[in-house]
Protein backbone atom coordinates (compact mmCIF):
# COMPACT_ATOMS: atom_id res chain seq x y z
CA MET A 1 0.00 0.00 0.00
CA PHE A 2 1.38 3.39 -0.96
CA ASP A 3 0.56 6.65 0.82
CA ALA A 4 2.04 10.13 0.77
CA ILE A 5 3.37 12.01 3.79
CA GLN A 6 4.29 15.70 3.82
CA LEU A 7 5.24 17.90 6.74
CA GLN A 8 3.96 21.45 6.58
CA GLY A 9 6.49 23.50 4.64
CA HIS A 10 8.48 20.42 3.56
CA HIS A 11 8.55 17.90 0.71
CA GLN A 12 6.07 15.12 -0.02
CA VAL A 13 7.27 11.52 0.27
CA GLN A 14 5.57 8.41 -1.12
CA ILE A 15 5.69 5.62 1.47
CA ASP A 16 5.44 1.84 1.11
CA ARG A 17 3.88 0.25 4.19
CA SER A 18 5.01 -3.23 3.12
CA ARG A 19 8.56 -2.24 4.09
CA ASP A 20 7.63 -2.73 7.76
CA ALA A 21 8.33 -6.41 7.07
CA LEU A 22 12.03 -5.55 6.55
CA LEU A 23 12.46 -4.41 10.17
CA THR A 24 13.94 -6.76 12.74
CA ASP A 25 12.32 -7.22 16.15
CA PHE A 26 15.20 -5.30 17.74
CA GLY A 27 14.79 -2.48 15.21
CA ARG A 28 11.06 -2.23 15.92
CA ALA A 29 11.67 -2.17 19.67
CA THR A 30 14.27 0.58 19.31
CA LEU A 31 12.00 2.72 17.14
CA ASP A 32 9.04 2.16 19.48
CA ASP A 33 11.08 3.11 22.54
CA ARG A 34 12.91 6.15 21.21
CA TYR A 35 11.56 7.67 18.02
CA LEU A 36 7.88 7.00 17.25
CA MET A 37 5.35 9.70 18.04
CA PRO A 38 1.95 8.56 19.40
CA GLY A 39 -0.13 7.02 16.61
CA GLU A 40 2.76 7.04 14.14
CA SER A 41 3.78 3.99 12.08
CA TYR A 42 7.36 3.04 11.24
CA GLN A 43 6.95 4.25 7.67
CA ASP A 44 5.40 7.50 8.89
CA LEU A 45 8.50 8.04 11.04
CA PHE A 46 10.87 7.43 8.13
CA ALA A 47 8.83 9.76 5.90
CA ARG A 48 8.75 12.46 8.59
CA VAL A 49 12.55 12.41 8.82
CA ALA A 50 13.00 12.33 5.03
CA SER A 51 10.51 15.16 4.49
CA ALA A 52 12.22 17.33 7.10
CA PHE A 53 15.78 16.80 5.86
CA GLY A 54 15.33 16.53 2.08
CA ASP A 55 16.64 19.49 0.08
CA ASP A 56 13.93 18.95 -2.53
CA GLN A 57 11.26 16.32 -3.27
CA PRO A 58 13.52 13.84 -5.13
CA HIS A 59 16.13 14.09 -2.35
CA ALA A 60 13.47 13.55 0.34
CA GLN A 61 12.22 10.48 -1.55
CA ARG A 62 15.74 9.05 -1.81
CA ILE A 63 16.30 9.56 1.92
CA TYR A 64 13.04 7.74 2.66
CA ASP A 65 13.94 4.90 0.29
CA TYR A 66 17.34 4.45 1.96
CA ILE A 67 15.99 4.58 5.53
CA SER A 68 13.01 2.33 4.91
CA ARG A 69 15.15 -0.43 3.42
CA LEU A 70 17.78 -0.64 6.19
């Protein structure tokens, strides 16, 4: 399933929720404990970071693609 995430004043990122399956149990626990905001999914988190730090939309998408496939 593909969705789009965009922070106000930042770049839109297309997310792929199926990439949650790539996360290890330890990775999920770490993200849950330290980085997820209430009600946020793992892919939402990755898109939030990519949208905030991308210089433009293609750069934000590349950042998301790299992070979500770790």
